[in-house]
Protein backbone atom coordinates (compact mmCIF):
# COMPACT_ATOMS: atom_id res chain seq x y z
CA MET A 1 13.64 -13.82 -67.32
CA LYS A 2 14.28 -16.69 -70.17
CA SER A 3 13.54 -17.40 -73.46
CA ALA A 4 14.19 -21.35 -73.59
CA ASN A 5 13.53 -20.97 -76.88
CA GLY A 6 12.20 -19.85 -80.48
CA LYS A 7 8.72 -20.98 -80.07
CA LYS A 8 6.04 -18.31 -80.47
CA ASP A 9 2.73 -19.44 -77.54
CA LYS A 10 -0.48 -19.39 -79.72
CA GLY A 11 -2.19 -15.82 -78.11
CA SER A 12 -1.34 -12.29 -78.14
CA HIS A 13 2.08 -10.92 -79.88
CA SER A 14 3.34 -8.88 -76.85
CA ASN A 15 3.17 -7.99 -73.24
CA GLN A 16 4.12 -5.97 -70.93
CA LEU A 17 6.62 -5.70 -68.25
CA ARG A 18 6.92 -2.10 -65.66
CA ILE A 19 10.22 -0.47 -64.65
CA ILE A 20 8.99 -0.36 -60.57
CA GLY A 21 11.59 1.96 -59.93
CA GLY A 22 15.07 4.46 -60.80
CA LYS A 23 14.56 7.60 -63.30
CA TRP A 24 12.10 4.84 -65.86
CA ARG A 25 9.16 4.60 -62.82
CA GLY A 26 5.97 3.60 -63.67
CA ARG A 27 7.18 2.77 -67.94
CA LYS A 28 5.34 -0.24 -69.59
CA LEU A 29 7.89 -1.66 -72.21
CA ALA A 30 6.35 -4.96 -75.18
CA PHE A 31 7.30 -7.76 -75.08
CA PRO A 32 7.22 -10.95 -77.58
CA SER A 33 5.02 -14.54 -76.43
CA ILE A 34 7.06 -16.48 -77.23
CA GLU A 35 7.50 -19.79 -74.26
CA GLY A 36 9.84 -20.20 -71.74
CA LEU A 37 9.49 -16.08 -72.37
CA ARG A 38 8.80 -14.40 -68.77
CA PRO A 39 10.27 -11.42 -66.72
CA THR A 40 10.77 -11.65 -63.45
CA PRO A 41 7.68 -10.74 -61.40
CA ASP A 42 7.26 -7.14 -59.69
CA ARG A 43 7.16 -8.30 -56.45
CA VAL A 44 10.20 -10.10 -57.14
CA ARG A 45 11.73 -7.51 -58.46
CA GLU A 46 11.44 -4.83 -56.26
CA THR A 47 12.64 -6.96 -53.12
CA LEU A 48 15.84 -8.10 -55.19
CA PHE A 49 16.66 -4.44 -55.48
CA ASN A 50 15.69 -3.19 -51.83
CA TRP A 51 18.78 -6.43 -51.35
CA LEU A 52 20.37 -4.13 -54.23
CA ALA A 53 19.81 -0.70 -52.64
CA ALA A 54 23.10 0.38 -51.93
CA ASP A 55 24.54 -0.86 -54.69
CA VAL A 56 23.31 -0.75 -58.21
CA SER A 57 24.65 3.12 -58.59
CA ALA A 58 27.67 3.44 -60.66
CA ALA A 59 27.75 -0.53 -61.29
CA ARG A 60 28.42 -2.37 -64.42
CA CYS A 61 26.30 -5.26 -64.24
CA LEU A 62 25.32 -8.37 -66.83
CA ASP A 63 21.56 -9.59 -67.76
CA LEU A 64 22.41 -13.50 -68.84
CA PHE A 65 19.43 -15.51 -70.25
CA ALA A 66 17.75 -11.70 -70.79
CA GLY A 67 14.56 -12.84 -72.13
CA SER A 68 12.39 -9.79 -71.75
CA GLY A 69 15.88 -7.24 -70.42
CA ALA A 70 13.79 -6.64 -66.76
CA LEU A 71 15.98 -7.04 -64.77
CA GLY A 72 18.91 -5.25 -66.54
CA LEU A 73 16.37 -2.54 -67.24
CA GLU A 74 15.47 -1.68 -63.75
CA ALA A 75 19.34 -1.52 -63.56
CA LEU A 76 19.66 1.15 -65.80
CA SER A 77 16.87 2.89 -63.90
CA ARG A 78 18.69 2.74 -61.21
CA GLY A 79 21.52 4.51 -61.99
CA ALA A 80 23.76 0.92 -62.97
CA SER A 81 26.86 2.35 -65.51
CA GLN A 82 26.95 -0.36 -67.62
CA VAL A 83 24.93 -3.01 -68.93
CA ASP A 84 25.48 -5.74 -71.58
CA PHE A 85 22.47 -8.07 -72.15
CA VAL A 86 22.72 -10.94 -73.75
CA ASP A 87 19.47 -13.96 -74.99
CA ARG A 88 20.37 -17.01 -77.73
CA SER A 89 16.46 -15.24 -79.31
CA PRO A 90 15.71 -13.13 -81.77
CA GLU A 91 12.46 -12.45 -80.78
CA PRO A 92 12.98 -10.61 -77.65
CA ILE A 93 16.13 -9.67 -78.26
CA LYS A 94 15.01 -7.19 -81.48
CA GLN A 95 12.75 -5.40 -78.65
CA LEU A 96 15.22 -5.94 -76.13
CA ILE A 97 17.25 -3.50 -78.12
CA GLU A 98 13.98 -1.29 -79.29
CA ASN A 99 12.83 -0.98 -75.60
CA LEU A 100 16.29 0.86 -75.18
CA ARG A 101 15.94 2.73 -77.91
CA LEU A 102 12.63 4.48 -77.18
CA LEU A 103 13.96 5.07 -73.02
CA GLY A 104 17.05 6.41 -75.01
CA ALA A 105 18.98 4.02 -72.24
CA GLU A 106 22.69 4.87 -73.04
CA ASN A 107 25.99 2.65 -71.82
CA VAL A 108 24.04 -0.92 -72.96
CA ARG A 109 25.38 -3.67 -75.23
CA VAL A 110 23.69 -6.15 -76.54
CA GLN A 111 24.40 -10.06 -77.71
CA GLN A 112 22.41 -12.36 -79.61
CA ASP A 113 24.11 -15.62 -78.53
CA ASN A 114 24.91 -18.69 -76.37
CA ALA A 115 25.18 -17.92 -72.72
CA LEU A 116 27.76 -20.31 -72.61
CA GLN A 117 29.93 -19.85 -75.19
CA TRP A 118 29.52 -16.33 -75.05
CA LEU A 119 30.46 -17.00 -71.01
CA GLN A 120 34.11 -18.98 -72.81
CA GLN A 121 34.90 -16.25 -74.93
CA LEU A 122 34.73 -13.71 -72.84
CA GLN A 123 36.85 -15.09 -70.20
CA GLN A 124 39.46 -16.12 -72.96
CA SER A 125 39.55 -12.17 -74.17
CA PRO A 126 42.73 -10.49 -72.98
CA ASP A 127 40.27 -7.42 -72.55
CA THR A 128 38.06 -9.99 -69.78
CA ASN A 129 35.15 -7.55 -68.17
CA THR A 130 34.42 -7.49 -64.85
CA TYR A 131 31.05 -7.35 -63.40
CA ASN A 132 29.96 -5.58 -59.78
CA ILE A 133 26.76 -7.77 -60.46
CA ILE A 134 24.96 -10.37 -61.95
CA PHE A 135 22.49 -11.43 -62.66
CA LEU A 136 21.18 -15.14 -63.46
CA ASP A 137 17.97 -16.03 -64.33
CA ALA A 138 18.57 -19.04 -66.90
CA PRO A 139 15.58 -21.13 -68.29
CA PHE A 140 14.25 -23.82 -65.47
CA HIS A 141 15.28 -27.30 -64.90
CA GLN A 142 17.42 -27.06 -67.83
CA GLY A 143 20.72 -26.93 -65.99
CA LEU A 144 22.25 -24.36 -66.93
CA ILE A 145 22.95 -23.01 -63.99
CA ALA A 146 25.22 -25.63 -63.12
CA ASP A 147 27.01 -24.83 -66.26
CA CYS A 148 27.02 -21.29 -66.12
CA LEU A 149 28.71 -20.53 -62.41
CA ASN A 150 32.28 -21.65 -62.97
CA LEU A 151 32.74 -19.40 -65.62
CA LEU A 152 31.01 -16.61 -64.28
CA THR A 153 33.44 -16.98 -61.24
CA PHE A 154 36.35 -15.41 -63.39
CA CYS A 155 34.25 -12.33 -64.71
CA LEU A 156 32.89 -11.70 -61.12
CA SER A 157 34.75 -8.46 -59.38
CA PRO A 158 35.26 -8.78 -55.58
CA GLY A 159 32.50 -8.46 -53.51
CA GLY A 160 30.39 -8.43 -56.80
CA LYS A 161 27.17 -9.68 -55.67
CA ILE A 162 25.70 -12.33 -58.09
CA TYR A 163 21.30 -12.61 -57.83
CA LEU A 164 20.08 -16.55 -59.17
CA GLU A 165 16.54 -17.12 -59.69
CA MET A 166 15.22 -20.20 -60.39
CA GLY A 167 12.42 -22.87 -59.64
CA ARG A 168 11.07 -23.59 -56.52
CA ASP A 169 11.93 -27.55 -57.07
CA GLU A 170 15.06 -27.06 -58.41
CA ILE A 171 18.74 -27.84 -56.38
CA LEU A 172 21.04 -25.22 -55.61
CA PRO A 173 24.18 -26.50 -57.30
CA ASP A 174 27.67 -26.30 -56.10
CA ILE A 175 28.18 -22.70 -55.96
CA PRO A 176 32.20 -21.83 -55.75
CA ALA A 177 34.03 -22.01 -52.24
CA ASP A 178 34.17 -17.89 -52.20
CA TRP A 179 30.56 -17.01 -53.06
CA HIS A 180 28.42 -16.37 -50.18
CA LEU A 181 24.68 -16.61 -49.36
CA HIS A 182 23.49 -12.83 -48.30
CA ARG A 183 19.74 -13.09 -48.64
CA GLU A 184 16.99 -16.80 -50.24
CA LYS A 185 13.21 -15.85 -50.58
CA PHE A 186 10.88 -17.70 -52.24
CA ALA A 187 7.14 -16.51 -54.57
CA GLY A 188 4.89 -18.77 -55.86
CA GLN A 189 7.21 -21.34 -57.78
CA ILE A 190 10.44 -19.27 -57.48
CA CYS A 191 13.24 -19.68 -55.57
CA TYR A 192 14.94 -16.64 -55.99
CA ARG A 193 18.68 -15.33 -53.91
CA LEU A 194 21.82 -13.05 -53.51
CA PHE A 195 25.18 -14.13 -52.97
CA ILE A 196 28.16 -12.30 -52.72
CA ARG A 197 31.94 -12.86 -54.01
CA ASP A 198 33.50 -12.94 -50.30
CA GLU A 199 36.68 -10.13 -51.31
CA GLN A 200 38.97 -11.68 -48.69
CA ASN A 201 39.40 -15.00 -49.69
CA LEU A 202 39.47 -14.12 -53.23
CA SER A 203 42.44 -11.86 -52.77
CA THR A 204 43.85 -14.91 -51.19
CA GLN A 205 43.89 -15.95 -54.27
CA VAL A 206 45.49 -13.95 -56.93
């Protein structure tokens, strides 16, 4: 679910996404009509969170290129202990903050920032956070996933999982050596994958 730029679409001022599981199951939330902003489809989210069923509870999550926040909101609904949302566009961020308020969500941080710059700043911080689950759903066909991968390696915990959502026709960039593909599936024009960072390889590199 991404916000590629700040241009508004012609048409309605808002759309709705539905949380499909957990304590907020069935809740519908607004997100703005902005070019390039598209929540991960319900069917894809359902499959993803089936893959993550044993891992979400108490997990620390990062929703990068958050857009509508659908993936992070789904994780919170299913028991994640912390979710950080990052997106550069002000209108989705404003709506996301309002949606979190409506839900009474706790243990969240919302940052309006360029994702790459935010990751670079996080890498330089002495209090670098590590995440158990990272959702990476960048705007398609802009090469942003490739730019993010190495920066994400330092903040993904041992055994952590990272979700990549890409256009079906996009070439998968080089993946860090200590990540391995756990699941892969296609839905329409979307290819989505779940990787796991290998604990054994990671421990030998430290």
